[in-house]
PDB file of N, CA and C in Angstrom:
ATOM      1  N   MET A   1     128.366  66.029 173.564  1.00  0.00           N
ATOM      2  CA  MET A   1     128.238  65.782 172.398  1.00  0.00           C
ATOM      3  C   MET A   1     128.715  64.610 171.377  1.00  0.00           C
ATOM      4  N   ASP A   2     130.080  64.431 171.965  1.00  0.00           N
ATOM      5  CA  ASP A   2     130.686  63.519 171.358  1.00  0.00           C
ATOM      6  C   ASP A   2     130.232  61.739 171.337  1.00  0.00           C
ATOM      7  N   ARG A   3     129.717  61.926 172.347  1.00  0.00           N
ATOM      8  CA  ARG A   3     129.126  60.286 172.809  1.00  0.00           C
ATOM      9  C   ARG A   3     127.718  60.328 171.853  1.00  0.00           C
ATOM     10  N   MET A   4     126.964  61.138 171.258  1.00  0.00           N
ATOM     11  CA  MET A   4     125.545  61.429 170.758  1.00  0.00           C
ATOM     12  C   MET A   4     126.450  61.028 168.982  1.00  0.00           C
ATOM     13  N   ASN A   5     127.481  61.332 168.872  1.00  0.00           N
ATOM     14  CA  ASN A   5     127.868  61.524 167.966  1.00  0.00           C
ATOM     15  C   ASN A   5     128.600  59.892 167.097  1.00  0.00           C
ATOM     16  N   THR A   6     129.025  59.502 168.143  1.00  0.00           N
ATOM     17  CA  THR A   6     129.290  58.063 168.590  1.00  0.00           C
ATOM     18  C   THR A   6     128.086  56.838 168.295  1.00  0.00           C
ATOM     19  N   THR A   7     127.203  57.549 168.739  1.00  0.00           N
ATOM     20  CA  THR A   7     125.850  56.850 168.792  1.00  0.00           C
ATOM     21  C   THR A   7     124.885  57.032 167.500  1.00  0.00           C
ATOM     22  N   THR A   8     124.985  57.580 167.185  1.00  0.00           N
ATOM     23  CA  THR A   8     124.628  58.654 166.047  1.00  0.00           C
ATOM     24  C   THR A   8     125.214  57.432 164.824  1.00  0.00           C
ATOM     25  N   ARG A   9     126.498  57.243 165.049  1.00  0.00           N
ATOM     26  CA  ARG A   9     127.126  56.818 163.967  1.00  0.00           C
ATOM     27  C   ARG A   9     126.924  55.447 163.777  1.00  0.00           C
ATOM     28  N   LEU A  10     126.714  54.579 165.105  1.00  0.00           N
ATOM     29  CA  LEU A  10     126.699  53.317 165.506  1.00  0.00           C
ATOM     30  C   LEU A  10     125.088  52.921 164.852  1.00  0.00           C
ATOM     31  N   VAL A  11     123.914  53.857 165.341  1.00  0.00           N
ATOM     32  CA  VAL A  11     122.838  53.572 164.636  1.00  0.00           C
ATOM     33  C   VAL A  11     123.071  53.873 163.174  1.00  0.00           C
ATOM     34  N   LEU A  12     123.386  54.488 162.614  1.00  0.00           N
ATOM     35  CA  LEU A  12     123.804  54.892 161.270  1.00  0.00           C
ATOM     36  C   LEU A  12     124.392  53.413 160.578  1.00  0.00           C
ATOM     37  N   ALA A  13     125.366  52.859 161.407  1.00  0.00           N
ATOM     38  CA  ALA A  13     126.096  51.684 160.700  1.00  0.00           C
ATOM     39  C   ALA A  13     124.881  50.588 160.968  1.00  0.00           C
ATOM     40  N   ALA A  14     124.435  50.692 162.076  1.00  0.00           N
ATOM     41  CA  ALA A  14     123.390  49.334 161.898  1.00  0.00           C
ATOM     42  C   ALA A  14     122.063  49.390 160.849  1.00  0.00           C
ATOM     43  N   ILE A  15     122.254  50.499 160.656  1.00  0.00           N
ATOM     44  CA  ILE A  15     121.256  50.476 159.595  1.00  0.00           C
ATOM     45  C   ILE A  15     121.566  50.168 158.100  1.00  0.00           C
ATOM     46  N   SER A  16     122.670  50.901 158.053  1.00  0.00           N
ATOM     47  CA  SER A  16     123.325  50.401 156.883  1.00  0.00           C
ATOM     48  C   SER A  16     123.529  48.574 156.606  1.00  0.00           C
ATOM     49  N   VAL A  17     124.362  48.199 157.508  1.00  0.00           N
ATOM     50  CA  VAL A  17     124.400  46.554 157.415  1.00  0.00           C
ATOM     51  C   VAL A  17     122.818  45.997 157.225  1.00  0.00           C
ATOM     52  N   PHE A  18     122.143  46.264 157.937  1.00  0.00           N
ATOM     53  CA  PHE A  18     120.640  45.794 157.735  1.00  0.00           C
ATOM     54  C   PHE A  18     120.802  46.070 156.763  1.00  0.00           C
ATOM     55  N   SER A  19     120.466  47.686 155.766  1.00  0.00           N
ATOM     56  CA  SER A  19     120.200  47.652 154.775  1.00  0.00           C
ATOM     57  C   SER A  19     120.625  46.571 153.652  1.00  0.00           C
ATOM     58  N   LEU A  20     121.991  46.650 153.533  1.00  0.00           N
ATOM     59  CA  LEU A  20     123.195  45.583 152.459  1.00  0.00           C
ATOM     60  C   LEU A  20     122.729  44.515 152.921  1.00  0.00           C
ATOM     61  N   ALA A  21     122.149  43.802 154.423  1.00  0.00           N
ATOM     62  CA  ALA A  21     121.790  42.526 154.362  1.00  0.00           C
ATOM     63  C   ALA A  21     120.697  42.142 153.714  1.00  0.00           C
ATOM     64  N   PHE A  22     119.393  43.187 154.086  1.00  0.00           N
ATOM     65  CA  PHE A  22     118.105  43.331 153.216  1.00  0.00           C
ATOM     66  C   PHE A  22     118.667  43.060 151.727  1.00  0.00           C
ATOM     67  N   THR A  23     119.249  43.723 151.105  1.00  0.00           N
ATOM     68  CA  THR A  23     119.279  43.805 149.915  1.00  0.00           C
ATOM     69  C   THR A  23     120.062  42.535 149.268  1.00  0.00           C
ATOM     70  N   ALA A  24     121.149  42.196 150.089  1.00  0.00           N
ATOM     71  CA  ALA A  24     121.810  40.939 149.427  1.00  0.00           C
ATOM     72  C   ALA A  24     120.673  39.641 148.974  1.00  0.00           C
ATOM     73  N   SER A  25     120.044  39.303 150.709  1.00  0.00           N
ATOM     74  CA  SER A  25     119.088  38.474 150.109  1.00  0.00           C
ATOM     75  C   SER A  25     117.801  38.511 149.522  1.00  0.00           C
ATOM     76  N   ASP A  26     117.581  40.034 149.046  1.00  0.00           N
ATOM     77  CA  ASP A  26     116.566  40.343 148.161  1.00  0.00           C
ATOM     78  C   ASP A  26     117.557  39.749 146.913  1.00  0.00           C
ATOM     79  N   PHE A  27     118.409  40.283 146.795  1.00  0.00           N
ATOM     80  CA  PHE A  27     119.154  39.634 145.010  1.00  0.00           C
ATOM     81  C   PHE A  27     119.548  38.159 145.120  1.00  0.00           C
ATOM     82  N   ALA A  28     119.639  37.675 146.255  1.00  0.00           N
ATOM     83  CA  ALA A  28     119.714  36.175 146.442  1.00  0.00           C
ATOM     84  C   ALA A  28     118.488  35.492 146.011  1.00  0.00           C
ATOM     85  N   ALA A  29     117.597  36.055 146.546  1.00  0.00           N
ATOM     86  CA  ALA A  29     116.210  35.478 146.085  1.00  0.00           C
ATOM     87  C   ALA A  29     115.442  35.815 144.843  1.00  0.00           C
ATOM     88  N   ASP A  30     115.521  36.653 143.599  1.00  0.00           N
ATOM     89  CA  ASP A  30     115.828  36.764 142.623  1.00  0.00           C
ATOM     90  C   ASP A  30     116.231  36.134 142.182  1.00  0.00           C
ATOM     91  N   LEU A  31     117.571  35.968 142.152  1.00  0.00           N
ATOM     92  CA  LEU A  31     118.940  35.045 141.549  1.00  0.00           C
ATOM     93  C   LEU A  31     118.112  33.403 141.062  1.00  0.00           C
ATOM     94  N   ASP A  32     117.831  33.169 142.642  1.00  0.00           N
ATOM     95  CA  ASP A  32     116.961  32.114 142.930  1.00  0.00           C
ATOM     96  C   ASP A  32     116.008  31.882 141.380  1.00  0.00           C
ATOM     97  N   THR A  33     115.224  32.462 141.587  1.00  0.00           N
ATOM     98  CA  THR A  33     113.508  32.777 140.949  1.00  0.00           C
ATOM     99  C   THR A  33     114.117  32.137 139.358  1.00  0.00           C
ATOM    100  N   MET A  34     115.393  33.406 139.239  1.00  0.00           N
ATOM    101  CA  MET A  34     116.230  33.550 137.689  1.00  0.00           C
ATOM    102  C   MET A  34     116.922  32.077 137.187  1.00  0.00           C
ATOM    103  N   MET A  35     117.193  31.813 138.430  1.00  0.00           N
ATOM    104  CA  MET A  35     117.586  29.799 138.197  1.00  0.00           C
ATOM    105  C   MET A  35     116.821  29.064 137.877  1.00  0.00           C
ATOM    106  N   LYS A  36     115.410  29.019 139.113  1.00  0.00           N
ATOM    107  CA  LYS A  36     114.367  28.598 138.555  1.00  0.00           C
ATOM    108  C   LYS A  36     113.730  28.396 137.206  1.00  0.00           C
ATOM    109  N   GLU A  37     112.989  30.047 136.857  1.00  0.00           N
ATOM    110  CA  GLU A  37     113.113  30.340 135.298  1.00  0.00           C
ATOM    111  C   GLU A  37     113.464  29.837 134.354  1.00  0.00           C
ATOM    112  N   THR A  38     114.905  29.690 134.202  1.00  0.00           N
ATOM    113  CA  THR A  38     116.083  29.342 133.461  1.00  0.00           C
ATOM    114  C   THR A  38     116.122  27.860 133.244  1.00  0.00           C
ATOM    115  N   ASP A  39     115.879  26.790 134.567  1.00  0.00           N
ATOM    116  CA  ASP A  39     115.661  25.695 134.146  1.00  0.00           C
ATOM    117  C   ASP A  39     114.505  25.372 133.844  1.00  0.00           C
ATOM    118  N   THR A  40     113.427  25.856 134.335  1.00  0.00           N
ATOM    119  CA  THR A  40     111.877  25.270 133.405  1.00  0.00           C
ATOM    120  C   THR A  40     111.959  25.904 131.776  1.00  0.00           C
ATOM    121  N   ALA A  41     112.534  27.103 131.355  1.00  0.00           N
ATOM    122  CA  ALA A  41     113.115  27.069 129.478  1.00  0.00           C
ATOM    123  C   ALA A  41     113.842  25.741 129.489  1.00  0.00           C
ATOM    124  N   LYS A  42     114.609  25.955 129.846  1.00  0.00           N
ATOM    125  CA  LYS A  42     115.426  24.625 129.457  1.00  0.00           C
ATOM    126  C   LYS A  42     114.584  23.054 129.535  1.00  0.00           C
ATOM    127  N   ALA A  43     113.590  22.878 130.256  1.00  0.00           N
ATOM    128  CA  ALA A  43     112.855  22.139 130.358  1.00  0.00           C
ATOM    129  C   ALA A  43     112.218  22.071 129.231  1.00  0.00           C
ATOM    130  N   HIS A  44     111.831  22.883 128.997  1.00  0.00           N
ATOM    131  CA  HIS A  44     110.310  23.262 127.948  1.00  0.00           C
ATOM    132  C   HIS A  44     111.083  22.713 126.316  1.00  0.00           C
ATOM    133  N   VAL A  45     112.581  23.831 126.351  1.00  0.00           N
ATOM    134  CA  VAL A  45     112.813  23.031 125.046  1.00  0.00           C
ATOM    135  C   VAL A  45     113.611  21.657 124.771  1.00  0.00           C
ATOM    136  N   VAL A  46     114.089  21.050 125.835  1.00  0.00           N
ATOM    137  CA  VAL A  46     114.104  19.642 125.913  1.00  0.00           C
ATOM    138  C   VAL A  46     112.942  19.170 125.561  1.00  0.00           C
ATOM    139  N   SER A  47     111.902  19.254 125.681  1.00  0.00           N
ATOM    140  CA  SER A  47     110.121  18.870 125.132  1.00  0.00           C
ATOM    141  C   SER A  47     110.309  19.236 123.898  1.00  0.00           C
ATOM    142  N   ILE A  48     109.932  20.452 123.944  1.00  0.00           N
ATOM    143  CA  ILE A  48     110.162  21.379 121.991  1.00  0.00           C
ATOM    144  C   ILE A  48     111.277  19.721 121.024  1.00  0.00           C
ATOM    145  N   LYS A  49     112.207  19.811 121.733  1.00  0.00           N
ATOM    146  CA  LYS A  49     112.895  19.013 120.873  1.00  0.00           C
ATOM    147  C   LYS A  49     112.661  17.452 120.833  1.00  0.00           C
ATOM    148  N   LYS A  50     112.178  16.865 121.753  1.00  0.00           N
ATOM    149  CA  LYS A  50     112.004  15.651 121.765  1.00  0.00           C
ATOM    150  C   LYS A  50     110.108  15.381 120.863  1.00  0.00           C
ATOM    151  N   GLU A  51     109.256  16.255 121.030  1.00  0.00           N
ATOM    152  CA  GLU A  51     108.134  16.380 120.264  1.00  0.00           C
ATOM    153  C   GLU A  51     108.629  16.940 118.831  1.00  0.00           C
ATOM    154  N   SER A  52     109.372  17.409 118.651  1.00  0.00           N
ATOM    155  CA  SER A  52     109.853  17.901 117.327  1.00  0.00           C
ATOM    156  C   SER A  52     110.135  16.479 116.565  1.00  0.00           C
ATOM    157  N   GLY A  53     110.760  15.539 117.275  1.00  0.00           N
ATOM    158  CA  GLY A  53     111.546  14.352 116.658  1.00  0.00           C
ATOM    159  C   GLY A  53     110.763  13.395 116.633  1.00  0.00           C
ATOM    160  N   GLU A  54     109.528  13.186 117.590  1.00  0.00           N
ATOM    161  CA  GLU A  54     108.520  12.600 117.147  1.00  0.00           C
ATOM    162  C   GLU A  54     107.788  12.646 116.147  1.00  0.00           C
ATOM    163  N   VAL A  55     106.982  14.236 115.940  1.00  0.00           N
ATOM    164  CA  VAL A  55     106.542  14.595 114.696  1.00  0.00           C
ATOM    165  C   VAL A  55     106.892  13.989 113.610  1.00  0.00           C
ATOM    166  N   LYS A  56     108.982  14.331 113.300  1.00  0.00           N
ATOM    167  CA  LYS A  56     109.485  14.485 112.212  1.00  0.00           C
ATOM    168  C   LYS A  56     109.180  12.237 112.268  1.00  0.00           C
ATOM    169  N   HIS A  57     109.448  12.053 112.910  1.00  0.00           N
ATOM    170  CA  HIS A  57     109.388  10.337 112.817  1.00  0.00           C
ATOM    171  C   HIS A  57     108.315   9.653 112.232  1.00  0.00           C
ATOM    172  N   THR A  58     107.295  10.590 112.930  1.00  0.00           N
ATOM    173  CA  THR A  58     105.571  10.356 112.368  1.00  0.00           C
ATOM    174  C   THR A  58     105.576  10.889 111.309  1.00  0.00           C
ATOM    175  N   VAL A  59     106.039  12.064 110.664  1.00  0.00           N
ATOM    176  CA  VAL A  59     105.798  12.091 109.509  1.00  0.00           C
ATOM    177  C   VAL A  59     106.742  11.202 108.207  1.00  0.00           C
ATOM    178  N   LYS A  60     107.882  11.054 108.391  1.00  0.00           N
ATOM    179  CA  LYS A  60     108.701   9.975 108.105  1.00  0.00           C
ATOM    180  C   LYS A  60     107.667   8.754 108.028  1.00  0.00           C
ATOM    181  N   ASP A  61     107.031   8.161 108.956  1.00  0.00           N
ATOM    182  CA  ASP A  61     106.437   6.979 108.832  1.00  0.00           C
ATOM    183  C   ASP A  61     105.542   7.603 108.001  1.00  0.00           C
ATOM    184  N   SER A  62     104.754   8.109 107.781  1.00  0.00           N
ATOM    185  CA  SER A  62     103.370   8.617 106.976  1.00  0.00           C
ATOM    186  C   SER A  62     103.767   8.647 105.484  1.00  0.00           C
ATOM    187  N   LYS A  63     104.741   8.997 105.518  1.00  0.00           N
ATOM    188  CA  LYS A  63     105.489   9.203 104.279  1.00  0.00           C
ATOM    189  C   LYS A  63     105.912   7.788 103.661  1.00  0.00           C
ATOM    190  N   THR A  64     106.123   7.059 104.400  1.00  0.00           N
ATOM    191  CA  THR A  64     106.383   5.683 103.694  1.00  0.00           C
ATOM    192  C   THR A  64     105.310   5.072 103.386  1.00  0.00           C
ATOM    193  N   GLN A  65     104.167   5.435 104.808  1.00  0.00           N
ATOM    194  CA  GLN A  65     103.251   4.069 104.352  1.00  0.00           C
ATOM    195  C   GLN A  65     102.760   4.762 102.470  1.00  0.00           C
ATOM    196  N   LYS A  66     102.798   5.838 102.976  1.00  0.00           N
ATOM    197  CA  LYS A  66     101.932   6.558 101.487  1.00  0.00           C
ATOM    198  C   LYS A  66     102.937   5.759 100.255  1.00  0.00           C
ATOM    199  N   THR A  67     103.961   6.007 100.398  1.00  0.00           N
ATOM    200  CA  THR A  67     104.979   5.651  99.148  1.00  0.00           C
ATOM    201  C   THR A  67     104.140   4.034  99.069  1.00  0.00           C
ATOM    202  N   MET A  68     104.830   3.160  99.930  1.00  0.00           N
ATOM    203  CA  MET A  68     104.051   1.675 100.132  1.00  0.00           C
ATOM    204  C   MET A  68     102.708   1.449  99.248  1.00  0.00           C
ATOM    205  N   LYS A  69     101.600   2.261  99.436  1.00  0.00           N
ATOM    206  CA  LYS A  69     100.367   2.052  99.287  1.00  0.00           C
ATOM    207  C   LYS A  69     100.580   2.657  98.265  1.00  0.00           C
ATOM    208  N   ASP A  70     101.328   3.667  97.443  1.00  0.00           N
ATOM    209  CA  ASP A  70     101.286   3.688  95.832  1.00  0.00           C
ATOM    210  C   ASP A  70     101.996   2.995  95.312  1.00  0.00           C
ATOM    211  N   VAL A  71     102.913   2.468  96.248  1.00  0.00           N
ATOM    212  CA  VAL A  71     103.828   1.190  94.772  1.00  0.00           C
ATOM    213  C   VAL A  71     102.689   0.071  94.977  1.00  0.00           C
ATOM    214  N   GLY A  72     102.017  -0.223  95.954  1.00  0.00           N
ATOM    215  CA  GLY A  72     100.770  -1.516  95.581  1.00  0.00           C
ATOM    216  C   GLY A  72     100.045  -1.615  94.935  1.00  0.00           C
ATOM    217  N   GLN A  73      99.298  -0.116  94.716  1.00  0.00           N
ATOM    218  CA  GLN A  73      98.196   0.744  93.812  1.00  0.00           C
ATOM    219  C   GLN A  73      99.143   0.143  92.360  1.00  0.00           C
ATOM    220  N   MET A  74     100.149   0.758  92.293  1.00  0.00           N
ATOM    221  CA  MET A  74     101.066   0.795  90.601  1.00  0.00           C
ATOM    222  C   MET A  74     100.826  -0.832  90.145  1.00  0.00           C
ATOM    223  N   LYS A  75     101.408  -1.773  91.728  1.00  0.00           N
ATOM    224  CA  LYS A  75     101.277  -3.358  91.314  1.00  0.00           C
ATOM    225  C   LYS A  75     100.218  -3.572  90.740  1.00  0.00           C
ATOM    226  N   ASP A  76      99.011  -3.133  91.383  1.00  0.00           N
ATOM    227  CA  ASP A  76      97.789  -3.457  91.040  1.00  0.00           C
ATOM    228  C   ASP A  76      97.271  -2.997  89.812  1.00  0.00           C
ATOM    229  N   ASP A  77      97.050  -1.807  89.340  1.00  0.00           N
ATOM    230  CA  ASP A  77      97.368  -1.441  88.093  1.00  0.00           C
ATOM    231  C   ASP A  77      97.789  -1.889  86.690  1.00  0.00           C
ATOM    232  N   GLY A  78      99.231  -2.278  87.342  1.00  0.00           N
ATOM    233  CA  GLY A  78      99.981  -2.972  86.367  1.00  0.00           C
ATOM    234  C   GLY A  78      99.443  -4.164  86.000  1.00  0.00           C
ATOM    235  N   LYS A  79      98.888  -5.325  86.918  1.00  0.00           N
ATOM    236  CA  LYS A  79      98.003  -5.936  87.105  1.00  0.00           C
ATOM    237  C   LYS A  79      97.113  -6.066  86.302  1.00  0.00           C
ATOM    238  N   ASN A  80      96.385  -5.196  86.398  1.00  0.00           N
ATOM    239  CA  ASN A  80      94.923  -5.274  85.487  1.00  0.00           C
ATOM    240  C   ASN A  80      95.578  -4.647  84.244  1.00  0.00           C
ATOM    241  N   LEU A  81      96.302  -3.878  84.451  1.00  0.00           N
ATOM    242  CA  LEU A  81      97.024  -3.487  82.321  1.00  0.00           C
ATOM    243  C   LEU A  81      97.588  -4.579  81.787  1.00  0.00           C
ATOM    244  N   LYS A  82      97.527  -6.046  82.610  1.00  0.00           N
ATOM    245  CA  LYS A  82      98.583  -7.107  82.233  1.00  0.00           C
ATOM    246  C   LYS A  82      96.996  -7.831  81.571  1.00  0.00           C
ATOM    247  N   ASP A  83      95.902  -7.887  82.285  1.00  0.00           N
ATOM    248  CA  ASP A  83      95.371  -8.418  82.302  1.00  0.00           C
ATOM    249  C   ASP A  83      94.702  -8.349  81.047  1.00  0.00           C
ATOM    250  N   VAL A  84      93.844  -6.903  80.545  1.00  0.00           N
ATOM    251  CA  VAL A  84      93.474  -6.461  79.739  1.00  0.00           C
ATOM    252  C   VAL A  84      94.154  -6.656  78.326  1.00  0.00           C
ATOM    253  N   VAL A  85      95.294  -6.578  78.440  1.00  0.00           N
ATOM    254  CA  VAL A  85      95.921  -6.702  77.509  1.00  0.00           C
ATOM    255  C   VAL A  85      96.270  -8.673  76.887  1.00  0.00           C
ATOM    256  N   THR A  86      96.322  -8.994  78.177  1.00  0.00           N
ATOM    257  CA  THR A  86      96.192 -10.355  77.760  1.00  0.00           C
ATOM    258  C   THR A  86      94.813 -11.135  77.389  1.00  0.00           C
ATOM    259  N   GLY A  87      94.072 -10.255  77.486  1.00  0.00           N
ATOM    260  CA  GLY A  87      92.476 -10.898  78.144  1.00  0.00           C
ATOM    261  C   GLY A  87      92.422 -11.826  79.436  1.00  0.00           C
ATOM    262  N   LYS A  88      92.717 -11.915  79.799  1.00  0.00           N
ATOM    263  CA  LYS A  88      92.498 -11.680  81.237  1.00  0.00           C
ATOM    264  C   LYS A  88      90.757 -11.484  82.228  1.00  0.00           C
TER     265      LYS A  88
END
């Protein structure tokens, strides 16, 4: 009977070790998946920051072009006004 208890204990210990190892490997796989998802999220953030910088630059360029166009239009209007006043 003592031998049966020892065998039972060894079997239970083996099952416990197997379960613990399986749980640890499963946790490691989950951790690896989470790390990959984190890296993907970081890459998305970097991409979004880059795109927002490009959009900001484009908007700034667009405003500059519109301002230059408006200045040119005002210059033309000024010339037209001068021509009307001077009779040309």
